[in-house]
Amino acid sequence: MGRKIILADKFATFDECWAPRIVARYEGHEVRIAKLEGAFDWHSHDHDELFLVTKGRLEIEFADRTETLEAGEMLVVPAGIEHRPVARQGLVEAVLLDPAESPNTGNKETATIAVEV
């Protein structure tokens, strides 16, 4: 049976940045939350990646432009597109949707493994 998930409570369980946590599973995907601060590595995935900002401002840099996301805004990065998430103005909280067990860097050797909260 489904139960509601209170994201604020889940975000309060950890402090690490760029270390996603799994809050739910859906149709072969993991609904992850992450705290973001500073710049992440340039990378790409072999799948689409969804970013939904719940707190703060997140920039997603692409080779040809930067998309800025405020709280309540989302962006889907298409498979194979190199990008770099950057939280320049302090802590960002975001919901991410990725296929189950996919690496957050697009590379299993450099990935942070998402754990459940």
C-alpha atoms as a PDB file:
ATOM      1  CA  MET A   1       0.000   0.000   0.000  1.00  0.00           C
ATOM      2  CA  GLY A   2       1.283   3.460  -0.850  1.00  0.00           C
ATOM      3  CA  ARG A   3       2.187   5.946   1.854  1.00  0.00           C
ATOM      4  CA  LYS A   4       2.898   9.626   1.479  1.00  0.00           C
ATOM      5  CA  ILE A   5       6.497  10.770   1.593  1.00  0.00           C
ATOM      6  CA  ILE A   6       7.301  14.004   3.385  1.00  0.00           C
ATOM      7  CA  LEU A   7      10.316  15.311   1.505  1.00  0.00           C
ATOM      8  CA  ALA A   8      11.337  17.790   4.230  1.00  0.00           C
ATOM      9  CA  ASP A   9      11.593  14.890   6.696  1.00  0.00           C
ATOM     10  CA  LYS A  10      13.692  12.875   4.242  1.00  0.00           C
ATOM     11  CA  PHE A  11      16.025  15.797   3.493  1.00  0.00           C
ATOM     12  CA  ALA A  12      16.530  16.259   7.255  1.00  0.00           C
ATOM     13  CA  THR A  13      18.050  12.759   7.557  1.00  0.00           C
ATOM     14  CA  PHE A  14      21.364  13.652   5.877  1.00  0.00           C
ATOM     15  CA  ASP A  15      23.789  16.526   5.284  1.00  0.00           C
ATOM     16  CA  GLU A  16      26.110  15.214   2.540  1.00  0.00           C
ATOM     17  CA  CYS A  17      26.017  17.003  -0.790  1.00  0.00           C
ATOM     18  CA  TRP A  18      26.020  15.210  -4.139  1.00  0.00           C
ATOM     19  CA  ALA A  19      25.106  11.936  -2.375  1.00  0.00           C
ATOM     20  CA  PRO A  20      21.601  10.992  -3.589  1.00  0.00           C
ATOM     21  CA  ARG A  21      19.160   9.128  -1.375  1.00  0.00           C
ATOM     22  CA  ILE A  22      16.361   6.894  -2.650  1.00  0.00           C
ATOM     23  CA  VAL A  23      12.921   7.833  -1.307  1.00  0.00           C
ATOM     24  CA  ALA A  24      10.767   5.675  -3.594  1.00  0.00           C
ATOM     25  CA  ARG A  25      10.809   3.304  -6.543  1.00  0.00           C
ATOM     26  CA  TYR A  26       8.541   3.723  -9.540  1.00  0.00           C
ATOM     27  CA  GLU A  27       8.249   1.614 -12.724  1.00  0.00           C
ATOM     28  CA  GLY A  28      11.906   0.537 -12.714  1.00  0.00           C
ATOM     29  CA  HIS A  29      13.108   3.979 -11.630  1.00  0.00           C
ATOM     30  CA  GLU A  30      14.387   5.423  -8.379  1.00  0.00           C
ATOM     31  CA  VAL A  31      12.998   8.668  -7.029  1.00  0.00           C
ATOM     32  CA  ARG A  32      16.046  10.200  -5.408  1.00  0.00           C
ATOM     33  CA  ILE A  33      16.620  13.334  -3.376  1.00  0.00           C
ATOM     34  CA  ALA A  34      19.922  15.156  -3.128  1.00  0.00           C
ATOM     35  CA  LYS A  35      21.456  18.181  -1.521  1.00  0.00           C
ATOM     36  CA  LEU A  36      23.653  20.083  -3.942  1.00  0.00           C
ATOM     37  CA  GLU A  37      26.234  22.780  -3.331  1.00  0.00           C
ATOM     38  CA  GLY A  38      28.990  24.025  -5.607  1.00  0.00           C
ATOM     39  CA  ALA A  39      29.736  22.397  -8.959  1.00  0.00           C
ATOM     40  CA  PHE A  40      29.441  18.743  -9.925  1.00  0.00           C
ATOM     41  CA  ASP A  41      31.501  17.052 -12.647  1.00  0.00           C
ATOM     42  CA  TRP A  42      30.711  17.293 -16.345  1.00  0.00           C
ATOM     43  CA  HIS A  43      29.055  14.011 -17.323  1.00  0.00           C
ATOM     44  CA  SER A  44      26.371  12.332 -19.411  1.00  0.00           C
ATOM     45  CA  HIS A  45      24.099   9.325 -19.012  1.00  0.00           C
ATOM     46  CA  ASP A  46      22.773   6.669 -21.354  1.00  0.00           C
ATOM     47  CA  HIS A  47      19.281   7.577 -20.101  1.00  0.00           C
ATOM     48  CA  ASP A  48      17.228  10.730 -19.578  1.00  0.00           C
ATOM     49  CA  GLU A  49      17.657  12.411 -16.182  1.00  0.00           C
ATOM     50  CA  LEU A  50      15.021  14.529 -14.452  1.00  0.00           C
ATOM     51  CA  PHE A  51      15.874  17.363 -12.037  1.00  0.00           C
ATOM     52  CA  LEU A  52      13.101  18.961  -9.933  1.00  0.00           C
ATOM     53  CA  VAL A  53      14.333  21.727  -7.631  1.00  0.00           C
ATOM     54  CA  THR A  54      12.468  21.971  -4.325  1.00  0.00           C
ATOM     55  CA  LYS A  55      14.726  24.548  -2.621  1.00  0.00           C
ATOM     56  CA  GLY A  56      17.278  27.037  -3.916  1.00  0.00           C
ATOM     57  CA  ARG A  57      18.562  27.748  -7.422  1.00  0.00           C
ATOM     58  CA  LEU A  58      20.300  25.185  -9.624  1.00  0.00           C
ATOM     59  CA  GLU A  59      22.091  25.874 -12.872  1.00  0.00           C
ATOM     60  CA  ILE A  60      22.453  23.077 -15.403  1.00  0.00           C
ATOM     61  CA  GLU A  61      25.328  23.905 -17.715  1.00  0.00           C
ATOM     62  CA  PHE A  62      25.423  22.529 -21.253  1.00  0.00           C
ATOM     63  CA  ALA A  63      28.092  23.052 -23.909  1.00  0.00           C
ATOM     64  CA  ASP A  64      26.002  25.775 -25.577  1.00  0.00           C
ATOM     65  CA  ARG A  65      23.931  27.292 -22.752  1.00  0.00           C
ATOM     66  CA  THR A  66      22.963  27.288 -19.075  1.00  0.00           C
ATOM     67  CA  GLU A  67      19.452  26.583 -17.795  1.00  0.00           C
ATOM     68  CA  THR A  68      18.582  28.048 -14.385  1.00  0.00           C
ATOM     69  CA  LEU A  69      16.031  26.240 -12.228  1.00  0.00           C
ATOM     70  CA  GLU A  70      14.286  27.839  -9.262  1.00  0.00           C
ATOM     71  CA  ALA A  71      12.271  25.992  -6.613  1.00  0.00           C
ATOM     72  CA  GLY A  72       9.268  24.391  -8.274  1.00  0.00           C
ATOM     73  CA  GLU A  73      10.934  24.130 -11.694  1.00  0.00           C
ATOM     74  CA  MET A  74      12.226  21.030 -13.450  1.00  0.00           C
ATOM     75  CA  LEU A  75      14.315  20.004 -16.407  1.00  0.00           C
ATOM     76  CA  VAL A  76      14.875  16.721 -18.226  1.00  0.00           C
ATOM     77  CA  VAL A  77      18.390  16.233 -19.570  1.00  0.00           C
ATOM     78  CA  PRO A  78      18.177  13.928 -22.610  1.00  0.00           C
ATOM     79  CA  ALA A  79      20.287  10.780 -22.776  1.00  0.00           C
ATOM     80  CA  GLY A  80      23.812  11.315 -24.056  1.00  0.00           C
ATOM     81  CA  ILE A  81      23.900  15.086 -23.455  1.00  0.00           C
ATOM     82  CA  GLU A  82      26.898  16.264 -21.440  1.00  0.00           C
ATOM     83  CA  HIS A  83      25.897  18.542 -18.570  1.00  0.00           C
ATOM     84  CA  ARG A  84      27.089  19.904 -15.247  1.00  0.00           C
ATOM     85  CA  PRO A  85      24.794  20.805 -12.352  1.00  0.00           C
ATOM     86  CA  VAL A  86      25.998  23.831 -10.366  1.00  0.00           C
ATOM     87  CA  ALA A  87      24.593  25.276  -7.128  1.00  0.00           C
ATOM     88  CA  ARG A  88      26.368  28.653  -7.013  1.00  0.00           C
ATOM     89  CA  GLN A  89      24.188  30.426  -4.455  1.00  0.00           C
ATOM     90  CA  GLY A  90      24.180  28.004  -1.551  1.00  0.00           C
ATOM     91  CA  LEU A  91      22.438  24.758  -0.778  1.00  0.00           C
ATOM     92  CA  VAL A  92      19.937  23.316  -3.250  1.00  0.00           C
ATOM     93  CA  GLU A  93      17.522  20.482  -2.566  1.00  0.00           C
ATOM     94  CA  ALA A  94      16.339  18.520  -5.583  1.00  0.00           C
ATOM     95  CA  VAL A  95      14.350  15.457  -6.580  1.00  0.00           C
ATOM     96  CA  LEU A  96      15.959  13.294  -9.273  1.00  0.00           C
ATOM     97  CA  LEU A  97      14.404  10.526 -11.325  1.00  0.00           C
ATOM     98  CA  ASP A  98      16.763   7.916 -12.751  1.00  0.00           C
ATOM     99  CA  PRO A  99      16.556   4.271 -13.793  1.00  0.00           C
ATOM    100  CA  ALA A 100      17.158   1.968 -10.819  1.00  0.00           C
ATOM    101  CA  GLU A 101      20.816   1.505  -9.887  1.00  0.00           C
ATOM    102  CA  SER A 102      22.073   3.993 -12.479  1.00  0.00           C
ATOM    103  CA  PRO A 103      25.241   5.891 -11.504  1.00  0.00           C
ATOM    104  CA  ASN A 104      24.882   9.582 -10.693  1.00  0.00           C
ATOM    105  CA  THR A 105      27.991  10.400 -12.747  1.00  0.00           C
ATOM    106  CA  GLY A 106      27.094   8.291 -15.752  1.00  0.00           C
ATOM    107  CA  ASN A 107      30.115   6.126 -14.881  1.00  0.00           C
ATOM    108  CA  LYS A 108      29.939   3.306 -12.327  1.00  0.00           C
ATOM    109  CA  GLU A 109      33.611   3.705 -11.370  1.00  0.00           C
ATOM    110  CA  THR A 110      33.179   7.338 -10.256  1.00  0.00           C
ATOM    111  CA  ALA A 111      29.585   7.193  -8.999  1.00  0.00           C
ATOM    112  CA  THR A 112      28.176   7.769  -5.568  1.00  0.00           C
ATOM    113  CA  ILE A 113      25.798   4.895  -4.879  1.00  0.00           C
ATOM    114  CA  ALA A 114      22.306   6.040  -3.915  1.00  0.00           C
ATOM    115  CA  VAL A 115      21.059   4.585  -0.627  1.00  0.00           C
ATOM    116  CA  GLU A 116      17.536   4.438   0.745  1.00  0.00           C
ATOM    117  CA  VAL A 117      16.271   6.795   3.450  1.00  0.00           C
END
